[in-house]
Amino acid sequence: APAVVLLHRAGGSGLDWTAVCQRLASHEIPLRTVAIDLPGHGRSPESAAPLASLADRAVLVREVLDALGIENAIVAGHSMGGGIALELARVEPRRVRSLVLVACALDLRISRAIRALLHDRFALAARTIARASVSPRSAAAAALDSLAASFWHASPAIVRQDFDACDAFDFTNHAHALRGPAFIVAGADDALIPTERCRRLAGAIPGGELDIVADAGHLV
């Protein structure tokens, strides 16, 4: 069966993809779905050596594919996971059948104000990022306290490492060399990675296609 590999956002886990996994399970074509918990996220222990970059995380994903005997996969990534998927496609193009990049851009920097909150007022950062991740017109906006309380699936130190790696990520000089289909999905009301940044990513990848989801934020 074709394999679908799912890579989560900064501070998230494979649980972020639960609804997607459920839908893929009922797909008319049998699919092998793998939602990875990166080190220090969800049920995975922290890595012995810190993963400084998204490229480092892509190497780890490649090792997971090797261990599972997956030669070629559809790779989907959300935000940070999208950056990891791009790095994997850059170094292992034959392993990536196609890309699905959700709320992703050529670079993954967020505002300095939010970065400062992550280091100085972590609980407030969770609420701020949660608010920026949903559309004010969505049902999730009415349950912001609940969303903020369950937003992180990793320790503060790991979350900060994730955002530091995202801050250093820049795929601008590599996107033109990618081959194979790439589908970019953007939330129309995403306050973290605005639609225009997703549009630039789609335009930079040969054959990239963009789909904008109405009344959706970063958690498309």
N, C-alpha and C. Protein backbone atom coordinates (compact mmCIF):
# COMPACT_ATOMS: atom_id res chain seq x y z
N ALA A 1 0.84 -1.19 0.00
CA ALA A 1 0.00 0.00 0.00
C ALA A 1 0.88 1.24 0.00
N PRO A 2 0.46 2.30 -0.71
CA PRO A 2 1.22 3.55 -0.66
C PRO A 2 1.32 4.06 0.78
N ALA A 3 2.46 4.65 1.11
CA ALA A 3 2.68 5.17 2.46
C ALA A 3 2.45 6.67 2.49
N VAL A 4 1.83 7.12 3.57
CA VAL A 4 1.65 8.55 3.84
C VAL A 4 2.33 8.84 5.17
N VAL A 5 3.33 9.72 5.15
CA VAL A 5 4.08 10.07 6.35
C VAL A 5 3.65 11.47 6.77
N LEU A 6 3.29 11.62 8.05
CA LEU A 6 2.73 12.86 8.58
C LEU A 6 3.67 13.46 9.62
N LEU A 7 4.06 14.70 9.42
CA LEU A 7 5.04 15.38 10.27
C LEU A 7 4.38 16.58 10.95
N HIS A 8 4.50 16.65 12.25
CA HIS A 8 3.73 17.63 13.03
C HIS A 8 4.40 18.99 13.14
N ARG A 9 3.66 19.92 13.71
CA ARG A 9 4.08 21.31 13.91
C ARG A 9 5.05 21.43 15.09
N ALA A 10 5.60 22.62 15.28
CA ALA A 10 6.44 22.90 16.44
C ALA A 10 5.64 22.69 17.72
N GLY A 11 6.21 21.92 18.64
CA GLY A 11 5.54 21.67 19.91
C GLY A 11 4.37 20.71 19.84
N GLY A 12 4.13 20.13 18.67
CA GLY A 12 3.00 19.22 18.49
C GLY A 12 3.41 17.77 18.62
N SER A 13 2.60 16.88 18.05
CA SER A 13 2.90 15.46 18.03
C SER A 13 2.06 14.81 16.94
N GLY A 14 2.24 13.51 16.77
CA GLY A 14 1.45 12.78 15.79
C GLY A 14 -0.05 12.86 16.05
N LEU A 15 -0.42 13.16 17.30
CA LEU A 15 -1.85 13.28 17.63
C LEU A 15 -2.51 14.43 16.85
N ASP A 16 -1.71 15.39 16.41
CA ASP A 16 -2.26 16.50 15.62
C ASP A 16 -2.95 15.99 14.34
N TRP A 17 -2.53 14.80 13.90
CA TRP A 17 -3.02 14.26 12.64
C TRP A 17 -4.14 13.23 12.84
N THR A 18 -4.70 13.14 14.04
CA THR A 18 -5.69 12.10 14.33
C THR A 18 -6.85 12.10 13.34
N ALA A 19 -7.44 13.27 13.11
CA ALA A 19 -8.60 13.34 12.20
C ALA A 19 -8.20 12.94 10.79
N VAL A 20 -7.00 13.35 10.37
CA VAL A 20 -6.52 12.99 9.03
C VAL A 20 -6.33 11.47 8.93
N CYS A 21 -5.75 10.87 9.96
CA CYS A 21 -5.54 9.42 9.96
C CYS A 21 -6.87 8.68 9.87
N GLN A 22 -7.86 9.17 10.58
CA GLN A 22 -9.17 8.53 10.54
C GLN A 22 -9.78 8.60 9.15
N ARG A 23 -9.61 9.73 8.48
CA ARG A 23 -10.16 9.85 7.13
C ARG A 23 -9.38 8.99 6.15
N LEU A 24 -8.08 8.93 6.29
CA LEU A 24 -7.27 8.11 5.39
C LEU A 24 -7.55 6.63 5.58
N ALA A 25 -7.94 6.24 6.81
CA ALA A 25 -8.23 4.83 7.09
C ALA A 25 -9.42 4.34 6.28
N SER A 26 -10.32 5.26 5.92
CA SER A 26 -11.51 4.87 5.16
C SER A 26 -11.35 5.15 3.67
N HIS A 27 -10.14 5.50 3.23
CA HIS A 27 -9.90 5.80 1.83
C HIS A 27 -10.12 4.56 0.98
N GLU A 28 -10.62 4.74 -0.23
CA GLU A 28 -10.92 3.60 -1.10
C GLU A 28 -9.67 2.85 -1.52
N ILE A 29 -8.53 3.55 -1.53
CA ILE A 29 -7.25 2.90 -1.79
C ILE A 29 -6.56 2.68 -0.44
N PRO A 30 -6.21 1.43 -0.10
CA PRO A 30 -5.54 1.19 1.19
C PRO A 30 -4.24 1.98 1.29
N LEU A 31 -4.07 2.68 2.40
CA LEU A 31 -2.89 3.51 2.61
C LEU A 31 -2.21 3.11 3.91
N ARG A 32 -0.90 3.11 3.89
CA ARG A 32 -0.13 2.91 5.12
C ARG A 32 0.19 4.28 5.69
N THR A 33 -0.38 4.60 6.83
CA THR A 33 -0.25 5.94 7.40
C THR A 33 0.69 5.92 8.60
N VAL A 34 1.67 6.80 8.60
CA VAL A 34 2.66 6.87 9.68
C VAL A 34 2.70 8.31 10.19
N ALA A 35 2.22 8.52 11.41
CA ALA A 35 2.28 9.84 12.05
C ALA A 35 3.40 9.80 13.08
N ILE A 36 4.46 10.53 12.82
CA ILE A 36 5.68 10.44 13.63
C ILE A 36 5.63 11.42 14.80
N ASP A 37 6.00 10.95 15.99
CA ASP A 37 6.30 11.83 17.12
C ASP A 37 7.81 12.10 17.08
N LEU A 38 8.20 13.32 16.76
CA LEU A 38 9.62 13.64 16.77
C LEU A 38 10.17 13.57 18.19
N PRO A 39 11.50 13.43 18.36
CA PRO A 39 12.07 13.29 19.70
C PRO A 39 11.62 14.40 20.65
N GLY A 40 11.19 13.98 21.86
CA GLY A 40 10.74 14.93 22.86
C GLY A 40 9.31 15.37 22.69
N HIS A 41 8.60 14.80 21.73
CA HIS A 41 7.21 15.16 21.46
C HIS A 41 6.32 13.93 21.64
N GLY A 42 5.12 14.15 22.16
CA GLY A 42 4.20 13.03 22.31
C GLY A 42 4.81 11.91 23.13
N ARG A 43 4.89 10.73 22.53
CA ARG A 43 5.38 9.54 23.25
C ARG A 43 6.86 9.26 23.00
N SER A 44 7.53 10.12 22.23
CA SER A 44 8.94 9.87 21.92
C SER A 44 9.85 10.53 22.96
N PRO A 45 10.86 9.80 23.43
CA PRO A 45 11.81 10.40 24.37
C PRO A 45 12.67 11.45 23.66
N GLU A 46 13.29 12.30 24.46
CA GLU A 46 14.16 13.31 23.87
C GLU A 46 15.38 12.66 23.23
N SER A 47 15.91 13.32 22.22
CA SER A 47 17.10 12.83 21.53
C SER A 47 18.31 13.01 22.43
N ALA A 48 19.26 12.07 22.35
CA ALA A 48 20.49 12.19 23.14
C ALA A 48 21.27 13.43 22.72
N ALA A 49 21.25 13.72 21.42
CA ALA A 49 21.91 14.93 20.92
C ALA A 49 20.84 15.90 20.42
N PRO A 50 20.93 17.17 20.80
CA PRO A 50 19.92 18.14 20.35
C PRO A 50 19.83 18.21 18.82
N LEU A 51 18.61 18.34 18.32
CA LEU A 51 18.39 18.49 16.89
C LEU A 51 18.34 19.99 16.59
N ALA A 52 19.44 20.51 16.07
CA ALA A 52 19.58 21.96 15.96
C ALA A 52 18.80 22.55 14.80
N SER A 53 18.55 21.77 13.76
CA SER A 53 17.95 22.32 12.56
C SER A 53 16.83 21.43 12.05
N LEU A 54 16.04 21.96 11.12
CA LEU A 54 15.02 21.12 10.49
C LEU A 54 15.67 20.07 9.59
N ALA A 55 16.86 20.38 9.05
CA ALA A 55 17.59 19.37 8.27
C ALA A 55 17.97 18.19 9.16
N ASP A 56 18.36 18.45 10.41
CA ASP A 56 18.66 17.36 11.35
C ASP A 56 17.43 16.48 11.56
N ARG A 57 16.28 17.12 11.68
CA ARG A 57 15.03 16.38 11.88
C ARG A 57 14.68 15.57 10.64
N ALA A 58 15.01 16.08 9.46
CA ALA A 58 14.77 15.34 8.22
C ALA A 58 15.61 14.08 8.16
N VAL A 59 16.84 14.15 8.65
CA VAL A 59 17.69 12.95 8.71
C VAL A 59 17.04 11.90 9.60
N LEU A 60 16.50 12.34 10.73
CA LEU A 60 15.84 11.41 11.64
C LEU A 60 14.61 10.78 10.97
N VAL A 61 13.84 11.57 10.23
CA VAL A 61 12.68 11.02 9.52
C VAL A 61 13.12 9.98 8.50
N ARG A 62 14.20 10.27 7.80
CA ARG A 62 14.74 9.29 6.84
C ARG A 62 15.10 7.98 7.55
N GLU A 63 15.66 8.08 8.74
CA GLU A 63 16.01 6.87 9.50
C GLU A 63 14.76 6.09 9.90
N VAL A 64 13.68 6.81 10.22
CA VAL A 64 12.41 6.14 10.53
C VAL A 64 11.89 5.42 9.30
N LEU A 65 11.95 6.06 8.14
CA LEU A 65 11.52 5.41 6.90
C LEU A 65 12.34 4.15 6.64
N ASP A 66 13.66 4.25 6.85
CA ASP A 66 14.52 3.08 6.68
C ASP A 66 14.09 1.94 7.60
N ALA A 67 13.85 2.28 8.87
CA ALA A 67 13.49 1.26 9.86
C ALA A 67 12.15 0.60 9.53
N LEU A 68 11.24 1.35 8.92
CA LEU A 68 9.92 0.82 8.58
C LEU A 68 9.88 0.21 7.19
N GLY A 69 10.99 0.26 6.48
CA GLY A 69 11.03 -0.32 5.14
C GLY A 69 10.23 0.47 4.12
N ILE A 70 10.12 1.77 4.31
CA ILE A 70 9.36 2.62 3.39
C ILE A 70 10.35 3.25 2.40
N GLU A 71 10.27 2.84 1.15
CA GLU A 71 11.18 3.36 0.14
C GLU A 71 10.71 4.68 -0.45
N ASN A 72 9.40 4.87 -0.51
CA ASN A 72 8.84 6.03 -1.21
C ASN A 72 7.51 6.38 -0.55
N ALA A 73 7.27 7.67 -0.29
CA ALA A 73 6.06 8.04 0.45
C ALA A 73 5.54 9.39 0.01
N ILE A 74 4.25 9.57 0.21
CA ILE A 74 3.65 10.90 0.21
C ILE A 74 3.98 11.50 1.58
N VAL A 75 4.60 12.66 1.60
CA VAL A 75 5.03 13.26 2.87
C VAL A 75 4.24 14.54 3.09
N ALA A 76 3.51 14.58 4.20
CA ALA A 76 2.72 15.75 4.56
C ALA A 76 3.31 16.36 5.83
N GLY A 77 3.42 17.67 5.85
CA GLY A 77 3.95 18.34 7.03
C GLY A 77 3.18 19.61 7.33
N HIS A 78 2.98 19.84 8.61
CA HIS A 78 2.28 21.05 9.06
C HIS A 78 3.29 22.03 9.65
N SER A 79 3.41 23.20 9.05
CA SER A 79 4.28 24.25 9.55
C SER A 79 5.72 23.75 9.70
N MET A 80 6.24 23.57 10.91
CA MET A 80 7.57 23.01 11.06
C MET A 80 7.69 21.69 10.33
N GLY A 81 6.67 20.85 10.41
CA GLY A 81 6.69 19.57 9.71
C GLY A 81 6.82 19.75 8.21
N GLY A 82 6.23 20.84 7.69
CA GLY A 82 6.38 21.12 6.27
C GLY A 82 7.82 21.47 5.92
N GLY A 83 8.48 22.23 6.79
CA GLY A 83 9.89 22.53 6.57
C GLY A 83 10.74 21.27 6.58
N ILE A 84 10.43 20.35 7.48
CA ILE A 84 11.15 19.08 7.54
C ILE A 84 10.90 18.29 6.26
N ALA A 85 9.66 18.28 5.79
CA ALA A 85 9.32 17.58 4.55
C ALA A 85 10.09 18.16 3.37
N LEU A 86 10.21 19.48 3.32
CA LEU A 86 10.98 20.12 2.26
C LEU A 86 12.45 19.70 2.31
N GLU A 87 13.02 19.67 3.51
CA GLU A 87 14.42 19.25 3.65
C GLU A 87 14.60 17.79 3.23
N LEU A 88 13.63 16.94 3.57
CA LEU A 88 13.70 15.54 3.17
C LEU A 88 13.65 15.42 1.65
N ALA A 89 12.76 16.17 1.01
CA ALA A 89 12.65 16.14 -0.45
C ALA A 89 13.92 16.67 -1.12
N ARG A 90 14.59 17.59 -0.46
CA ARG A 90 15.83 18.14 -1.02
C ARG A 90 16.95 17.12 -1.02
N VAL A 91 17.11 16.38 0.08
CA VAL A 91 18.25 15.46 0.20
C VAL A 91 17.92 14.04 -0.25
N GLU A 92 16.62 13.70 -0.26
CA GLU A 92 16.21 12.34 -0.65
C GLU A 92 15.04 12.42 -1.63
N PRO A 93 15.24 13.03 -2.79
CA PRO A 93 14.10 13.25 -3.70
C PRO A 93 13.40 11.97 -4.13
N ARG A 94 14.13 10.88 -4.24
CA ARG A 94 13.49 9.62 -4.67
C ARG A 94 12.62 8.99 -3.59
N ARG A 95 12.79 9.44 -2.36
CA ARG A 95 11.98 8.89 -1.27
C ARG A 95 10.63 9.59 -1.14
N VAL A 96 10.50 10.75 -1.80
CA VAL A 96 9.30 11.57 -1.64
C VAL A 96 8.49 11.55 -2.93
N ARG A 97 7.36 10.84 -2.89
CA ARG A 97 6.49 10.75 -4.07
C ARG A 97 5.81 12.08 -4.35
N SER A 98 5.33 12.73 -3.32
CA SER A 98 4.72 14.05 -3.43
C SER A 98 4.72 14.70 -2.05
N LEU A 99 4.52 16.01 -2.04
CA LEU A 99 4.52 16.79 -0.81
C LEU A 99 3.15 17.41 -0.59
N VAL A 100 2.72 17.41 0.68
CA VAL A 100 1.55 18.18 1.10
C VAL A 100 2.04 19.08 2.23
N LEU A 101 2.04 20.37 2.00
CA LEU A 101 2.63 21.33 2.94
C LEU A 101 1.53 22.23 3.48
N VAL A 102 1.24 22.08 4.76
CA VAL A 102 0.13 22.79 5.39
C VAL A 102 0.68 23.95 6.22
N ALA A 103 0.17 25.15 5.97
CA ALA A 103 0.59 26.34 6.73
C ALA A 103 2.12 26.43 6.76
N CYS A 104 2.70 26.35 5.57
CA CYS A 104 4.16 26.31 5.44
C CYS A 104 4.61 27.41 4.49
N ALA A 105 5.88 27.79 4.60
CA ALA A 105 6.42 28.88 3.79
C ALA A 105 7.90 28.63 3.51
N LEU A 106 8.47 29.49 2.68
CA LEU A 106 9.89 29.37 2.36
C LEU A 106 10.76 29.58 3.59
N ASP A 107 10.30 30.39 4.52
CA ASP A 107 10.94 30.49 5.84
C ASP A 107 9.83 30.41 6.88
N LEU A 108 10.18 30.03 8.09
CA LEU A 108 9.16 29.78 9.12
C LEU A 108 9.34 30.68 10.34
N ARG A 109 9.82 31.88 10.11
CA ARG A 109 9.99 32.81 11.22
C ARG A 109 8.63 33.33 11.68
N ILE A 110 8.52 33.52 12.98
CA ILE A 110 7.33 34.16 13.54
C ILE A 110 7.77 35.46 14.20
N SER A 111 6.82 36.24 14.69
CA SER A 111 7.15 37.56 15.21
C SER A 111 8.10 37.48 16.41
N ARG A 112 8.92 38.52 16.54
CA ARG A 112 9.85 38.57 17.66
C ARG A 112 9.11 38.63 18.99
N ALA A 113 7.95 39.26 18.98
CA ALA A 113 7.17 39.37 20.23
C ALA A 113 6.77 37.99 20.74
N ILE A 114 6.29 37.14 19.85
CA ILE A 114 5.90 35.79 20.26
C ILE A 114 7.12 34.98 20.66
N ARG A 115 8.23 35.14 19.92
CA ARG A 115 9.46 34.43 20.29
C ARG A 115 9.89 34.83 21.70
N ALA A 116 9.78 36.11 22.04
CA ALA A 116 10.16 36.57 23.37
C ALA A 116 9.27 35.96 24.44
N LEU A 117 7.97 35.85 24.14
CA LEU A 117 7.05 35.22 25.10
C LEU A 117 7.42 33.76 25.35
N LEU A 118 7.85 33.06 24.33
CA LEU A 118 8.22 31.65 24.50
C LEU A 118 9.35 31.50 25.52
N HIS A 119 10.20 32.49 25.61
CA HIS A 119 11.33 32.41 26.54
C HIS A 119 11.01 33.01 27.90
N ASP A 120 10.11 33.99 27.95
CA ASP A 120 9.89 34.73 29.19
C ASP A 120 8.55 34.43 29.87
N ARG A 121 7.52 34.14 29.08
CA ARG A 121 6.18 33.91 29.64
C ARG A 121 5.52 32.79 28.83
N PHE A 122 5.94 31.57 29.13
CA PHE A 122 5.59 30.43 28.28
C PHE A 122 4.08 30.18 28.23
N ALA A 123 3.41 30.29 29.37
CA ALA A 123 1.96 30.03 29.39
C ALA A 123 1.22 31.05 28.53
N LEU A 124 1.64 32.31 28.62
CA LEU A 124 1.02 33.34 27.79
C LEU A 124 1.32 33.09 26.31
N ALA A 125 2.51 32.59 26.03
CA ALA A 125 2.86 32.27 24.64
C ALA A 125 1.91 31.23 24.06
N ALA A 126 1.56 30.23 24.88
CA ALA A 126 0.64 29.18 24.41
C ALA A 126 -0.70 29.79 24.03
N ARG A 127 -1.20 30.66 24.87
CA ARG A 127 -2.50 31.27 24.57
C ARG A 127 -2.40 32.20 23.35
N THR A 128 -1.31 32.95 23.25
CA THR A 128 -1.13 33.86 22.12
C THR A 128 -1.03 33.09 20.80
N ILE A 129 -0.25 32.02 20.79
CA ILE A 129 -0.09 31.23 19.57
C ILE A 129 -1.38 30.48 19.25
N ALA A 130 -2.07 29.99 20.29
CA ALA A 130 -3.35 29.32 20.05
C ALA A 130 -4.35 30.28 19.41
N ARG A 131 -4.39 31.52 19.92
CA ARG A 131 -5.32 32.50 19.36
C ARG A 131 -4.96 32.80 17.90
N ALA A 132 -3.66 32.87 17.61
CA ALA A 132 -3.22 33.16 16.25
C ALA A 132 -3.40 31.97 15.32
N SER A 133 -3.68 30.80 15.88
CA SER A 133 -3.75 29.58 15.08
C SER A 133 -5.15 29.23 14.61
N VAL A 134 -6.16 29.94 15.10
CA VAL A 134 -7.53 29.64 14.69
C VAL A 134 -8.18 30.88 14.09
N SER A 135 -9.12 30.66 13.22
CA SER A 135 -9.86 31.77 12.65
C SER A 135 -10.84 32.31 13.68
N PRO A 136 -10.97 33.62 13.80
CA PRO A 136 -11.96 34.17 14.74
C PRO A 136 -13.39 33.77 14.38
N ARG A 137 -13.58 33.27 13.15
CA ARG A 137 -14.91 32.84 12.72
C ARG A 137 -15.14 31.35 12.91
N SER A 138 -14.15 30.64 13.48
CA SER A 138 -14.28 29.20 13.66
C SER A 138 -14.82 28.86 15.04
N ALA A 139 -15.33 27.64 15.18
CA ALA A 139 -15.85 27.18 16.47
C ALA A 139 -14.73 27.10 17.50
N ALA A 140 -13.50 26.81 17.04
CA ALA A 140 -12.38 26.67 17.97
C ALA A 140 -12.08 27.98 18.70
N ALA A 141 -12.40 29.12 18.08
CA ALA A 141 -12.13 30.41 18.71
C ALA A 141 -12.91 30.58 20.01
N ALA A 142 -14.05 29.91 20.11
CA ALA A 142 -14.88 30.02 21.32
C ALA A 142 -14.36 29.13 22.44
N ALA A 143 -13.42 28.25 22.12
CA ALA A 143 -12.87 27.33 23.12
C ALA A 143 -11.37 27.55 23.28
N LEU A 144 -10.97 28.82 23.31
CA LEU A 144 -9.55 29.16 23.30
C LEU A 144 -8.82 28.66 24.53
N ASP A 145 -9.45 28.74 25.71
CA ASP A 145 -8.80 28.29 26.94
C ASP A 145 -8.47 26.80 26.85
N SER A 146 -9.42 26.02 26.37
CA SER A 146 -9.20 24.57 26.23
C SER A 146 -8.10 24.29 25.22
N LEU A 147 -8.12 25.01 24.11
CA LEU A 147 -7.10 24.81 23.07
C LEU A 147 -5.72 25.15 23.61
N ALA A 148 -5.60 26.29 24.32
CA ALA A 148 -4.30 26.71 24.84
C ALA A 148 -3.77 25.72 25.86
N ALA A 149 -4.67 25.14 26.67
CA ALA A 149 -4.24 24.21 27.72
C ALA A 149 -3.67 22.92 27.15
N SER A 150 -4.10 22.55 25.95
CA SER A 150 -3.65 21.29 25.37
C SER A 150 -2.80 21.50 24.12
N PHE A 151 -2.30 22.73 23.95
CA PHE A 151 -1.65 23.10 22.70
C PHE A 151 -0.30 22.42 22.52
N TRP A 152 0.47 22.32 23.61
CA TRP A 152 1.82 21.76 23.51
C TRP A 152 1.84 20.28 23.85
N HIS A 153 2.59 19.52 23.08
CA HIS A 153 2.79 18.09 23.33
C HIS A 153 4.27 17.84 23.62
N ALA A 154 4.93 18.86 24.16
CA ALA A 154 6.36 18.78 24.44
C ALA A 154 6.68 19.75 25.56
N SER A 155 7.87 19.59 26.15
CA SER A 155 8.28 20.47 27.25
C SER A 155 8.61 21.86 26.71
N PRO A 156 8.63 22.87 27.60
CA PRO A 156 9.03 24.21 27.15
C PRO A 156 10.38 24.24 26.44
N ALA A 157 11.33 23.48 26.94
CA ALA A 157 12.66 23.49 26.32
C ALA A 157 12.61 22.95 24.89
N ILE A 158 11.84 21.90 24.68
CA ILE A 158 11.72 21.32 23.34
C ILE A 158 10.97 22.27 22.41
N VAL A 159 9.92 22.90 22.93
CA VAL A 159 9.16 23.86 22.11
C VAL A 159 10.08 24.99 21.66
N ARG A 160 10.90 25.49 22.58
CA ARG A 160 11.83 26.58 22.22
C ARG A 160 12.83 26.10 21.17
N GLN A 161 13.32 24.86 21.30
CA GLN A 161 14.23 24.31 20.29
C GLN A 161 13.55 24.26 18.93
N ASP A 162 12.29 23.86 18.91
CA ASP A 162 11.54 23.79 17.65
C ASP A 162 11.48 25.17 16.99
N PHE A 163 11.10 26.17 17.77
CA PHE A 163 10.95 27.50 17.18
C PHE A 163 12.30 28.12 16.81
N ASP A 164 13.35 27.77 17.53
CA ASP A 164 14.68 28.23 17.14
C ASP A 164 15.07 27.62 15.79
N ALA A 165 14.76 26.33 15.61
CA ALA A 165 15.07 25.67 14.34
C ALA A 165 14.24 26.26 13.20
N CYS A 166 12.97 26.57 13.49
CA CYS A 166 12.12 27.21 12.48
C CYS A 166 12.66 28.58 12.10
N ASP A 167 13.14 29.31 13.10
CA ASP A 167 13.66 30.65 12.87
C ASP A 167 14.88 30.62 11.95
N ALA A 168 15.66 29.54 12.02
CA ALA A 168 16.88 29.43 11.21
C ALA A 168 16.61 28.85 9.83
N PHE A 169 15.40 28.33 9.61
CA PHE A 169 15.07 27.66 8.35
C PHE A 169 14.84 28.67 7.23
N ASP A 170 15.43 28.42 6.08
CA ASP A 170 15.20 29.26 4.89
C ASP A 170 15.41 28.40 3.66
N PHE A 171 14.33 28.15 2.93
CA PHE A 171 14.38 27.24 1.77
C PHE A 171 14.37 28.00 0.45
N THR A 172 14.55 29.30 0.52
CA THR A 172 14.42 30.15 -0.66
C THR A 172 15.31 29.70 -1.81
N ASN A 173 16.54 29.29 -1.53
CA ASN A 173 17.49 28.94 -2.59
C ASN A 173 17.39 27.50 -3.03
N HIS A 174 16.45 26.74 -2.47
CA HIS A 174 16.35 25.32 -2.81
C HIS A 174 15.04 24.94 -3.48
N ALA A 175 14.00 25.75 -3.32
CA ALA A 175 12.67 25.37 -3.78
C ALA A 175 12.63 25.08 -5.28
N HIS A 176 13.40 25.84 -6.07
CA HIS A 176 13.34 25.69 -7.53
C HIS A 176 13.82 24.32 -8.00
N ALA A 177 14.61 23.64 -7.16
CA ALA A 177 15.20 22.36 -7.56
C ALA A 177 14.32 21.16 -7.25
N LEU A 178 13.22 21.38 -6.54
CA LEU A 178 12.35 20.26 -6.18
C LEU A 178 11.65 19.71 -7.41
N ARG A 179 11.40 18.41 -7.40
CA ARG A 179 10.67 17.74 -8.48
C ARG A 179 9.54 16.93 -7.88
N GLY A 180 8.49 16.78 -8.62
CA GLY A 180 7.34 16.02 -8.11
C GLY A 180 6.27 16.95 -7.61
N PRO A 181 5.04 16.44 -7.50
CA PRO A 181 3.92 17.30 -7.10
C PRO A 181 4.11 17.87 -5.69
N ALA A 182 3.66 19.10 -5.52
CA ALA A 182 3.67 19.74 -4.20
C ALA A 182 2.36 20.51 -4.04
N PHE A 183 1.63 20.17 -3.01
CA PHE A 183 0.35 20.80 -2.73
C PHE A 183 0.48 21.60 -1.44
N ILE A 184 0.21 22.88 -1.51
CA ILE A 184 0.33 23.76 -0.36
C ILE A 184 -1.07 24.15 0.09
N VAL A 185 -1.34 23.97 1.38
CA VAL A 185 -2.65 24.27 1.95
C VAL A 185 -2.48 25.40 2.95
N ALA A 186 -3.27 26.46 2.80
CA ALA A 186 -3.15 27.64 3.66
C ALA A 186 -4.50 27.97 4.28
N GLY A 187 -4.48 28.41 5.53
CA GLY A 187 -5.67 28.92 6.17
C GLY A 187 -5.84 30.39 5.82
N ALA A 188 -7.01 30.76 5.36
CA ALA A 188 -7.23 32.15 4.93
C ALA A 188 -6.99 33.15 6.05
N ASP A 189 -7.18 32.72 7.30
CA ASP A 189 -7.04 33.63 8.45
C ASP A 189 -5.83 33.29 9.31
N ASP A 190 -4.83 32.65 8.73
CA ASP A 190 -3.63 32.27 9.48
C ASP A 190 -2.84 33.52 9.85
N ALA A 191 -2.68 33.77 11.15
CA ALA A 191 -1.94 34.94 11.62
C ALA A 191 -0.47 34.63 11.87
N LEU A 192 -0.08 33.37 11.84
CA LEU A 192 1.32 33.00 12.05
C LEU A 192 2.07 32.91 10.72
N ILE A 193 1.50 32.19 9.77
CA ILE A 193 2.06 32.08 8.42
C ILE A 193 0.99 32.59 7.46
N PRO A 194 0.95 33.89 7.22
CA PRO A 194 -0.12 34.44 6.38
C PRO A 194 -0.15 33.84 4.98
N THR A 195 -1.31 33.90 4.38
CA THR A 195 -1.56 33.26 3.08
C THR A 195 -0.53 33.67 2.04
N GLU A 196 -0.13 34.93 2.04
CA GLU A 196 0.81 35.40 1.01
C GLU A 196 2.14 34.65 1.08
N ARG A 197 2.56 34.28 2.27
CA ARG A 197 3.81 33.52 2.40
C ARG A 197 3.64 32.11 1.84
N CYS A 198 2.48 31.52 2.03
CA CYS A 198 2.19 30.21 1.43
C CYS A 198 2.13 30.32 -0.09
N ARG A 199 1.59 31.43 -0.58
CA ARG A 199 1.50 31.65 -2.03
C ARG A 199 2.91 31.73 -2.64
N ARG A 200 3.83 32.40 -1.95
CA ARG A 200 5.19 32.50 -2.46
C ARG A 200 5.85 31.13 -2.51
N LEU A 201 5.59 30.28 -1.51
CA LEU A 201 6.14 28.93 -1.52
C LEU A 201 5.61 28.15 -2.73
N ALA A 202 4.31 28.22 -2.96
CA ALA A 202 3.72 27.50 -4.09
C ALA A 202 4.30 27.98 -5.41
N GLY A 203 4.56 29.29 -5.51
CA GLY A 203 5.11 29.83 -6.74
C GLY A 203 6.57 29.49 -6.94
N ALA A 204 7.28 29.20 -5.85
CA ALA A 204 8.71 28.91 -5.95
C ALA A 204 9.00 27.46 -6.32
N ILE A 205 8.05 26.56 -6.05
CA ILE A 205 8.24 25.14 -6.35
C ILE A 205 7.67 24.85 -7.73
N PRO A 206 8.45 24.29 -8.65
CA PRO A 206 7.91 23.96 -9.98
C PRO A 206 6.66 23.08 -9.87
N GLY A 207 5.56 23.55 -10.43
CA GLY A 207 4.32 22.79 -10.38
C GLY A 207 3.60 22.85 -9.05
N GLY A 208 4.02 23.74 -8.15
CA GLY A 208 3.36 23.86 -6.85
C GLY A 208 1.94 24.36 -7.00
N GLU A 209 1.02 23.79 -6.22
CA GLU A 209 -0.39 24.18 -6.25
C GLU A 209 -0.82 24.65 -4.87
N LEU A 210 -1.61 25.72 -4.82
CA LEU A 210 -2.04 26.30 -3.56
C LEU A 210 -3.55 26.16 -3.39
N ASP A 211 -3.97 25.73 -2.20
CA ASP A 211 -5.39 25.67 -1.86
C ASP A 211 -5.58 26.48 -0.57
N ILE A 212 -6.44 27.49 -0.63
CA ILE A 212 -6.70 28.34 0.54
C ILE A 212 -8.02 27.93 1.15
N VAL A 213 -8.00 27.62 2.44
CA VAL A 213 -9.19 27.15 3.15
C VAL A 213 -9.83 28.33 3.88
N ALA A 214 -11.08 28.61 3.56
CA ALA A 214 -11.79 29.74 4.17
C ALA A 214 -12.06 29.46 5.65
N ASP A 215 -12.13 30.51 6.45
CA ASP A 215 -12.47 30.43 7.87
C ASP A 215 -11.57 29.46 8.62
N ALA A 216 -10.28 29.43 8.24
CA ALA A 216 -9.30 28.56 8.89
C ALA A 216 -8.07 29.35 9.22
N GLY A 217 -7.43 29.01 10.34
CA GLY A 217 -6.20 29.65 10.75
C GLY A 217 -5.02 28.73 10.53
N HIS A 218 -4.03 28.83 11.41
CA HIS A 218 -2.80 28.02 11.29
C HIS A 218 -3.10 26.53 11.46
N LEU A 219 -4.05 26.20 12.32
CA LEU A 219 -4.46 24.80 12.48
C LEU A 219 -5.54 24.50 11.45
N VAL A 220 -5.16 24.49 10.21
CA VAL A 220 -6.11 24.49 9.08
C VAL A 220 -7.20 23.43 9.23
